[in-house]
Amino acid sequence: MTSSVNKPSNVDSAFAHLADVVDQRRDAFKAGQADPKTSYTALLFSKGDDGILKKIGEEATETVMAAKDARSANLAPEQQKQFVGEMADLWFHCLIALSQFHLRPEDVIAELDRRLGTSGIEEKAARKASGQE
């Protein structure tokens, strides 16, 4: 079990902490201080944009399949654990992608905050009208 020492107290700080670790590992890889043969994070960064984005697609598919299994099992504990594990994998790989593009989870949270209180249908129509979609 993970120690509570230095454990972030909320979701925002947890994502910021994980993003800090990912950014440090990205920088170590780019400086030649992390070997893709011994570091999974370095391996991901060694694959570049396309490899990272492909991995997100794979993880998204695995998450969808785990959700379908959990739904059909009425969220039995084992299926629930599998779904949460796949979601964690997906979120981790999304953090890798954000880092690859020098972005942070705080950027995503700020965008979600900006959208708060706006109809999703209206927000999507506004993006479409501005040519963002």
N, C-alpha and C. Protein backbone atom coordinates (compact mmCIF):
# COMPACT_ATOMS: atom_id res chain seq x y z
N MET A 1 0.84 -1.17 0.00
CA MET A 1 0.00 0.00 0.00
C MET A 1 0.89 1.24 0.00
N THR A 2 0.45 2.28 -0.64
CA THR A 2 1.22 3.50 -0.76
C THR A 2 1.24 4.26 0.55
N SER A 3 2.38 4.82 0.89
CA SER A 3 2.51 5.62 2.10
C SER A 3 1.75 6.93 1.94
N SER A 4 1.24 7.44 3.06
CA SER A 4 0.51 8.71 3.01
C SER A 4 1.46 9.90 3.10
N VAL A 5 2.76 9.66 3.30
CA VAL A 5 3.73 10.74 3.34
C VAL A 5 3.80 11.39 1.96
N ASN A 6 3.68 12.70 1.93
CA ASN A 6 3.70 13.47 0.69
C ASN A 6 2.55 13.12 -0.25
N LYS A 7 1.53 12.48 0.25
CA LYS A 7 0.39 12.13 -0.58
C LYS A 7 -0.50 13.36 -0.74
N PRO A 8 -0.82 13.74 -1.97
CA PRO A 8 -1.68 14.90 -2.19
C PRO A 8 -3.04 14.74 -1.52
N SER A 9 -3.62 15.87 -1.13
CA SER A 9 -4.85 15.83 -0.35
C SER A 9 -6.11 15.88 -1.19
N ASN A 10 -6.01 16.23 -2.48
CA ASN A 10 -7.22 16.29 -3.30
C ASN A 10 -6.88 15.90 -4.73
N VAL A 11 -7.91 15.78 -5.54
CA VAL A 11 -7.73 15.31 -6.92
C VAL A 11 -6.82 16.25 -7.71
N ASP A 12 -7.06 17.55 -7.59
CA ASP A 12 -6.22 18.50 -8.33
C ASP A 12 -4.75 18.34 -7.98
N SER A 13 -4.46 18.27 -6.67
CA SER A 13 -3.06 18.17 -6.27
C SER A 13 -2.50 16.79 -6.59
N ALA A 14 -3.35 15.76 -6.57
CA ALA A 14 -2.87 14.42 -6.95
C ALA A 14 -2.44 14.39 -8.41
N PHE A 15 -3.26 14.97 -9.27
CA PHE A 15 -2.88 15.02 -10.68
C PHE A 15 -1.64 15.90 -10.88
N ALA A 16 -1.56 17.01 -10.17
CA ALA A 16 -0.38 17.88 -10.28
C ALA A 16 0.87 17.14 -9.84
N HIS A 17 0.76 16.38 -8.74
CA HIS A 17 1.90 15.61 -8.25
C HIS A 17 2.33 14.56 -9.28
N LEU A 18 1.37 13.81 -9.80
CA LEU A 18 1.70 12.80 -10.82
C LEU A 18 2.30 13.46 -12.06
N ALA A 19 1.75 14.61 -12.46
CA ALA A 19 2.28 15.32 -13.62
C ALA A 19 3.71 15.78 -13.37
N ASP A 20 4.00 16.20 -12.14
CA ASP A 20 5.38 16.59 -11.81
C ASP A 20 6.33 15.41 -12.00
N VAL A 21 5.91 14.25 -11.51
CA VAL A 21 6.75 13.04 -11.65
C VAL A 21 6.94 12.71 -13.14
N VAL A 22 5.86 12.74 -13.91
CA VAL A 22 5.96 12.44 -15.35
C VAL A 22 6.87 13.45 -16.04
N ASP A 23 6.71 14.74 -15.73
CA ASP A 23 7.57 15.77 -16.33
C ASP A 23 9.04 15.55 -15.98
N GLN A 24 9.31 15.18 -14.73
CA GLN A 24 10.69 14.90 -14.32
C GLN A 24 11.25 13.73 -15.12
N ARG A 25 10.43 12.72 -15.32
CA ARG A 25 10.89 11.54 -16.07
C ARG A 25 11.06 11.86 -17.55
N ARG A 26 10.18 12.71 -18.09
CA ARG A 26 10.33 13.17 -19.48
C ARG A 26 11.67 13.90 -19.64
N ASP A 27 11.94 14.81 -18.71
CA ASP A 27 13.18 15.58 -18.77
C ASP A 27 14.40 14.68 -18.61
N ALA A 28 14.31 13.70 -17.73
CA ALA A 28 15.42 12.75 -17.55
C ALA A 28 15.65 11.96 -18.83
N PHE A 29 14.58 11.54 -19.49
CA PHE A 29 14.71 10.82 -20.76
C PHE A 29 15.39 11.70 -21.80
N LYS A 30 14.91 12.92 -21.93
CA LYS A 30 15.47 13.83 -22.95
C LYS A 30 16.93 14.17 -22.67
N ALA A 31 17.33 14.13 -21.39
CA ALA A 31 18.71 14.41 -21.01
C ALA A 31 19.59 13.16 -21.09
N GLY A 32 19.00 12.03 -21.53
CA GLY A 32 19.75 10.79 -21.63
C GLY A 32 19.99 10.12 -20.29
N GLN A 33 19.19 10.49 -19.28
CA GLN A 33 19.37 9.94 -17.94
C GLN A 33 18.34 8.87 -17.60
N ALA A 34 17.48 8.52 -18.54
CA ALA A 34 16.48 7.47 -18.32
C ALA A 34 16.51 6.54 -19.53
N ASP A 35 16.65 5.28 -19.27
CA ASP A 35 16.78 4.27 -20.32
C ASP A 35 15.43 3.62 -20.62
N PRO A 36 14.98 3.69 -21.88
CA PRO A 36 13.72 3.04 -22.25
C PRO A 36 13.70 1.54 -21.98
N LYS A 37 14.87 0.92 -21.80
CA LYS A 37 14.92 -0.51 -21.50
C LYS A 37 14.58 -0.80 -20.04
N THR A 38 14.70 0.23 -19.18
CA THR A 38 14.46 0.01 -17.76
C THR A 38 13.36 0.91 -17.18
N SER A 39 12.89 1.86 -17.97
CA SER A 39 11.85 2.79 -17.49
C SER A 39 10.69 2.81 -18.48
N TYR A 40 9.52 2.43 -18.00
CA TYR A 40 8.34 2.41 -18.87
C TYR A 40 8.01 3.82 -19.37
N THR A 41 8.14 4.80 -18.48
CA THR A 41 7.84 6.18 -18.88
C THR A 41 8.82 6.63 -19.96
N ALA A 42 10.10 6.32 -19.81
CA ALA A 42 11.08 6.65 -20.84
C ALA A 42 10.75 5.92 -22.15
N LEU A 43 10.31 4.68 -22.04
CA LEU A 43 9.92 3.93 -23.24
C LEU A 43 8.79 4.65 -23.97
N LEU A 44 7.80 5.11 -23.23
CA LEU A 44 6.69 5.84 -23.86
C LEU A 44 7.19 7.10 -24.55
N PHE A 45 8.02 7.88 -23.86
CA PHE A 45 8.54 9.11 -24.47
C PHE A 45 9.43 8.81 -25.67
N SER A 46 10.09 7.67 -25.67
CA SER A 46 10.94 7.31 -26.81
C SER A 46 10.13 7.04 -28.07
N LYS A 47 8.85 6.73 -27.91
CA LYS A 47 7.99 6.43 -29.06
C LYS A 47 7.44 7.68 -29.73
N GLY A 48 7.62 8.84 -29.08
CA GLY A 48 7.18 10.10 -29.67
C GLY A 48 5.67 10.25 -29.67
N ASP A 49 5.23 11.32 -30.31
CA ASP A 49 3.81 11.67 -30.32
C ASP A 49 2.93 10.51 -30.77
N ASP A 50 3.25 9.95 -31.92
CA ASP A 50 2.39 8.90 -32.49
C ASP A 50 2.29 7.68 -31.58
N GLY A 51 3.41 7.26 -31.01
CA GLY A 51 3.39 6.10 -30.13
C GLY A 51 2.60 6.35 -28.86
N ILE A 52 2.74 7.55 -28.31
CA ILE A 52 2.00 7.91 -27.10
C ILE A 52 0.51 7.96 -27.40
N LEU A 53 0.15 8.59 -28.51
CA LEU A 53 -1.27 8.71 -28.86
C LEU A 53 -1.88 7.35 -29.19
N LYS A 54 -1.11 6.49 -29.84
CA LYS A 54 -1.58 5.14 -30.13
C LYS A 54 -1.86 4.39 -28.82
N LYS A 55 -0.99 4.57 -27.84
CA LYS A 55 -1.16 3.90 -26.55
C LYS A 55 -2.43 4.39 -25.86
N ILE A 56 -2.75 5.68 -25.98
CA ILE A 56 -3.99 6.19 -25.41
C ILE A 56 -5.18 5.51 -26.06
N GLY A 57 -5.13 5.33 -27.37
CA GLY A 57 -6.21 4.63 -28.06
C GLY A 57 -6.38 3.21 -27.55
N GLU A 58 -5.27 2.51 -27.35
CA GLU A 58 -5.33 1.14 -26.83
C GLU A 58 -5.93 1.13 -25.43
N GLU A 59 -5.47 2.04 -24.60
CA GLU A 59 -5.96 2.09 -23.21
C GLU A 59 -7.43 2.49 -23.17
N ALA A 60 -7.84 3.38 -24.05
CA ALA A 60 -9.26 3.78 -24.10
C ALA A 60 -10.13 2.58 -24.47
N THR A 61 -9.67 1.79 -25.43
CA THR A 61 -10.42 0.60 -25.83
C THR A 61 -10.51 -0.39 -24.67
N GLU A 62 -9.40 -0.61 -23.97
CA GLU A 62 -9.41 -1.52 -22.83
C GLU A 62 -10.34 -1.01 -21.73
N THR A 63 -10.40 0.30 -21.55
CA THR A 63 -11.29 0.89 -20.54
C THR A 63 -12.75 0.66 -20.92
N VAL A 64 -13.06 0.85 -22.18
CA VAL A 64 -14.43 0.63 -22.65
C VAL A 64 -14.83 -0.83 -22.45
N MET A 65 -13.94 -1.74 -22.80
CA MET A 65 -14.25 -3.16 -22.64
C MET A 65 -14.44 -3.53 -21.17
N ALA A 66 -13.60 -2.98 -20.30
CA ALA A 66 -13.74 -3.25 -18.86
C ALA A 66 -15.06 -2.68 -18.34
N ALA A 67 -15.45 -1.52 -18.84
CA ALA A 67 -16.73 -0.92 -18.41
C ALA A 67 -17.89 -1.80 -18.84
N LYS A 68 -17.82 -2.31 -20.05
CA LYS A 68 -18.89 -3.19 -20.54
C LYS A 68 -18.96 -4.46 -19.69
N ASP A 69 -17.80 -5.02 -19.35
CA ASP A 69 -17.77 -6.21 -18.49
C ASP A 69 -18.34 -5.89 -17.11
N ALA A 70 -17.97 -4.74 -16.57
CA ALA A 70 -18.47 -4.33 -15.25
C ALA A 70 -19.97 -4.12 -15.29
N ARG A 71 -20.45 -3.51 -16.37
CA ARG A 71 -21.89 -3.27 -16.50
C ARG A 71 -22.65 -4.59 -16.55
N SER A 72 -22.15 -5.52 -17.33
CA SER A 72 -22.86 -6.80 -17.46
C SER A 72 -22.78 -7.62 -16.18
N ALA A 73 -21.80 -7.34 -15.34
CA ALA A 73 -21.67 -8.05 -14.06
C ALA A 73 -22.26 -7.23 -12.91
N ASN A 74 -22.99 -6.16 -13.25
CA ASN A 74 -23.56 -5.28 -12.23
C ASN A 74 -22.51 -4.79 -11.24
N LEU A 75 -21.36 -4.46 -11.76
CA LEU A 75 -20.23 -3.95 -10.97
C LEU A 75 -19.83 -4.86 -9.82
N ALA A 76 -19.71 -6.15 -10.12
CA ALA A 76 -19.16 -7.09 -9.14
C ALA A 76 -17.76 -6.60 -8.77
N PRO A 77 -17.32 -6.86 -7.54
CA PRO A 77 -16.04 -6.31 -7.09
C PRO A 77 -14.86 -6.55 -8.04
N GLU A 78 -14.74 -7.73 -8.60
CA GLU A 78 -13.60 -8.01 -9.48
C GLU A 78 -13.69 -7.19 -10.77
N GLN A 79 -14.88 -7.07 -11.36
CA GLN A 79 -15.04 -6.28 -12.57
C GLN A 79 -14.86 -4.79 -12.27
N GLN A 80 -15.34 -4.37 -11.11
CA GLN A 80 -15.17 -2.97 -10.70
C GLN A 80 -13.68 -2.65 -10.57
N LYS A 81 -12.93 -3.56 -9.95
CA LYS A 81 -11.49 -3.37 -9.78
C LYS A 81 -10.80 -3.32 -11.15
N GLN A 82 -11.19 -4.16 -12.07
CA GLN A 82 -10.63 -4.17 -13.41
C GLN A 82 -10.91 -2.86 -14.13
N PHE A 83 -12.15 -2.38 -14.04
CA PHE A 83 -12.54 -1.12 -14.67
C PHE A 83 -11.72 0.05 -14.11
N VAL A 84 -11.61 0.11 -12.79
CA VAL A 84 -10.83 1.18 -12.16
C VAL A 84 -9.36 1.10 -12.60
N GLY A 85 -8.83 -0.10 -12.66
CA GLY A 85 -7.45 -0.28 -13.11
C GLY A 85 -7.23 0.19 -14.53
N GLU A 86 -8.17 -0.13 -15.40
CA GLU A 86 -8.04 0.32 -16.80
C GLU A 86 -8.19 1.84 -16.90
N MET A 87 -9.08 2.40 -16.09
CA MET A 87 -9.23 3.86 -16.10
C MET A 87 -7.95 4.52 -15.60
N ALA A 88 -7.32 3.94 -14.59
CA ALA A 88 -6.05 4.47 -14.09
C ALA A 88 -4.98 4.42 -15.18
N ASP A 89 -4.94 3.32 -15.93
CA ASP A 89 -3.99 3.21 -17.04
C ASP A 89 -4.25 4.31 -18.08
N LEU A 90 -5.51 4.52 -18.40
CA LEU A 90 -5.87 5.54 -19.38
C LEU A 90 -5.46 6.92 -18.90
N TRP A 91 -5.79 7.24 -17.66
CA TRP A 91 -5.43 8.56 -17.12
C TRP A 91 -3.91 8.75 -17.09
N PHE A 92 -3.17 7.70 -16.71
CA PHE A 92 -1.71 7.79 -16.70
C PHE A 92 -1.19 8.12 -18.10
N HIS A 93 -1.69 7.41 -19.09
CA HIS A 93 -1.20 7.65 -20.45
C HIS A 93 -1.63 9.03 -20.96
N CYS A 94 -2.76 9.52 -20.49
CA CYS A 94 -3.16 10.89 -20.83
C CYS A 94 -2.20 11.90 -20.20
N LEU A 95 -1.72 11.61 -18.98
CA LEU A 95 -0.72 12.48 -18.36
C LEU A 95 0.58 12.48 -19.17
N ILE A 96 0.94 11.32 -19.71
CA ILE A 96 2.13 11.24 -20.56
C ILE A 96 1.94 12.13 -21.80
N ALA A 97 0.77 12.05 -22.42
CA ALA A 97 0.50 12.86 -23.61
C ALA A 97 0.53 14.35 -23.27
N LEU A 98 -0.08 14.73 -22.17
CA LEU A 98 -0.03 16.14 -21.78
C LEU A 98 1.42 16.60 -21.62
N SER A 99 2.22 15.80 -20.95
CA SER A 99 3.62 16.14 -20.74
C SER A 99 4.37 16.23 -22.07
N GLN A 100 4.10 15.31 -22.96
CA GLN A 100 4.75 15.32 -24.28
C GLN A 100 4.52 16.64 -25.01
N PHE A 101 3.34 17.22 -24.80
CA PHE A 101 2.99 18.47 -25.46
C PHE A 101 3.16 19.68 -24.53
N HIS A 102 3.90 19.47 -23.43
CA HIS A 102 4.21 20.52 -22.46
C HIS A 102 2.95 21.18 -21.92
N LEU A 103 1.97 20.35 -21.62
CA LEU A 103 0.73 20.79 -20.99
C LEU A 103 0.62 20.10 -19.65
N ARG A 104 -0.34 20.54 -18.86
CA ARG A 104 -0.51 20.03 -17.51
C ARG A 104 -1.97 19.67 -17.25
N PRO A 105 -2.23 18.82 -16.27
CA PRO A 105 -3.62 18.54 -15.93
C PRO A 105 -4.36 19.81 -15.50
N GLU A 106 -3.63 20.76 -14.95
CA GLU A 106 -4.26 22.03 -14.57
C GLU A 106 -4.87 22.72 -15.78
N ASP A 107 -4.28 22.54 -16.97
CA ASP A 107 -4.85 23.11 -18.19
C ASP A 107 -6.20 22.48 -18.50
N VAL A 108 -6.29 21.17 -18.30
CA VAL A 108 -7.54 20.46 -18.55
C VAL A 108 -8.59 20.87 -17.51
N ILE A 109 -8.16 20.95 -16.26
CA ILE A 109 -9.09 21.35 -15.19
C ILE A 109 -9.59 22.77 -15.43
N ALA A 110 -8.71 23.67 -15.87
CA ALA A 110 -9.13 25.04 -16.18
C ALA A 110 -10.17 25.05 -17.29
N GLU A 111 -9.99 24.19 -18.29
CA GLU A 111 -10.97 24.12 -19.38
C GLU A 111 -12.30 23.57 -18.88
N LEU A 112 -12.24 22.56 -18.02
CA LEU A 112 -13.48 22.02 -17.45
C LEU A 112 -14.17 23.08 -16.59
N ASP A 113 -13.38 23.83 -15.82
CA ASP A 113 -13.96 24.92 -15.02
C ASP A 113 -14.62 25.96 -15.91
N ARG A 114 -13.97 26.27 -17.04
CA ARG A 114 -14.52 27.25 -17.98
C ARG A 114 -15.88 26.78 -18.51
N ARG A 115 -16.00 25.49 -18.72
CA ARG A 115 -17.24 24.93 -19.27
C ARG A 115 -18.33 24.73 -18.23
N LEU A 116 -17.96 24.76 -16.96
CA LEU A 116 -18.92 24.53 -15.89
C LEU A 116 -20.09 25.49 -15.99
N GLY A 117 -21.28 24.95 -15.96
CA GLY A 117 -22.48 25.77 -16.05
C GLY A 117 -22.92 26.06 -17.46
N THR A 118 -22.17 25.56 -18.43
CA THR A 118 -22.53 25.73 -19.83
C THR A 118 -23.09 24.42 -20.34
N SER A 119 -24.18 24.49 -21.05
CA SER A 119 -24.75 23.29 -21.64
C SER A 119 -23.73 22.66 -22.57
N GLY A 120 -23.54 21.36 -22.44
CA GLY A 120 -22.62 20.66 -23.32
C GLY A 120 -23.02 20.80 -24.78
N ILE A 121 -24.30 20.83 -25.03
CA ILE A 121 -24.79 21.00 -26.40
C ILE A 121 -24.44 22.39 -26.92
N GLU A 122 -24.64 23.41 -26.07
CA GLU A 122 -24.29 24.78 -26.47
C GLU A 122 -22.79 24.92 -26.66
N GLU A 123 -22.01 24.34 -25.75
CA GLU A 123 -20.56 24.44 -25.82
C GLU A 123 -20.04 23.80 -27.11
N LYS A 124 -20.59 22.64 -27.45
CA LYS A 124 -20.16 21.95 -28.67
C LYS A 124 -20.56 22.76 -29.90
N ALA A 125 -21.74 23.35 -29.89
CA ALA A 125 -22.19 24.18 -31.02
C ALA A 125 -21.28 25.40 -31.18
N ALA A 126 -20.84 25.99 -30.05
CA ALA A 126 -19.95 27.15 -30.12
C ALA A 126 -18.60 26.75 -30.71
N ARG A 127 -18.07 25.57 -30.32
CA ARG A 127 -16.80 25.11 -30.89
C ARG A 127 -16.95 24.87 -32.38
N LYS A 128 -18.06 24.28 -32.77
CA LYS A 128 -18.31 23.98 -34.18
C LYS A 128 -18.39 25.27 -34.97
N ALA A 129 -19.10 26.27 -34.43
CA ALA A 129 -19.28 27.55 -35.11
C ALA A 129 -17.94 28.29 -35.27
N SER A 130 -17.04 28.11 -34.29
CA SER A 130 -15.75 28.79 -34.37
C SER A 130 -14.72 28.00 -35.15
N GLY A 131 -15.12 26.84 -35.66
CA GLY A 131 -14.21 26.01 -36.47
C GLY A 131 -13.25 25.18 -35.65
N GLN A 132 -13.49 25.03 -34.36
CA GLN A 132 -12.61 24.21 -33.51
C GLN A 132 -12.97 22.75 -33.54
N GLU A 133 -14.03 22.40 -34.19
CA GLU A 133 -14.44 20.99 -34.23
C GLU A 133 -14.75 20.56 -35.64
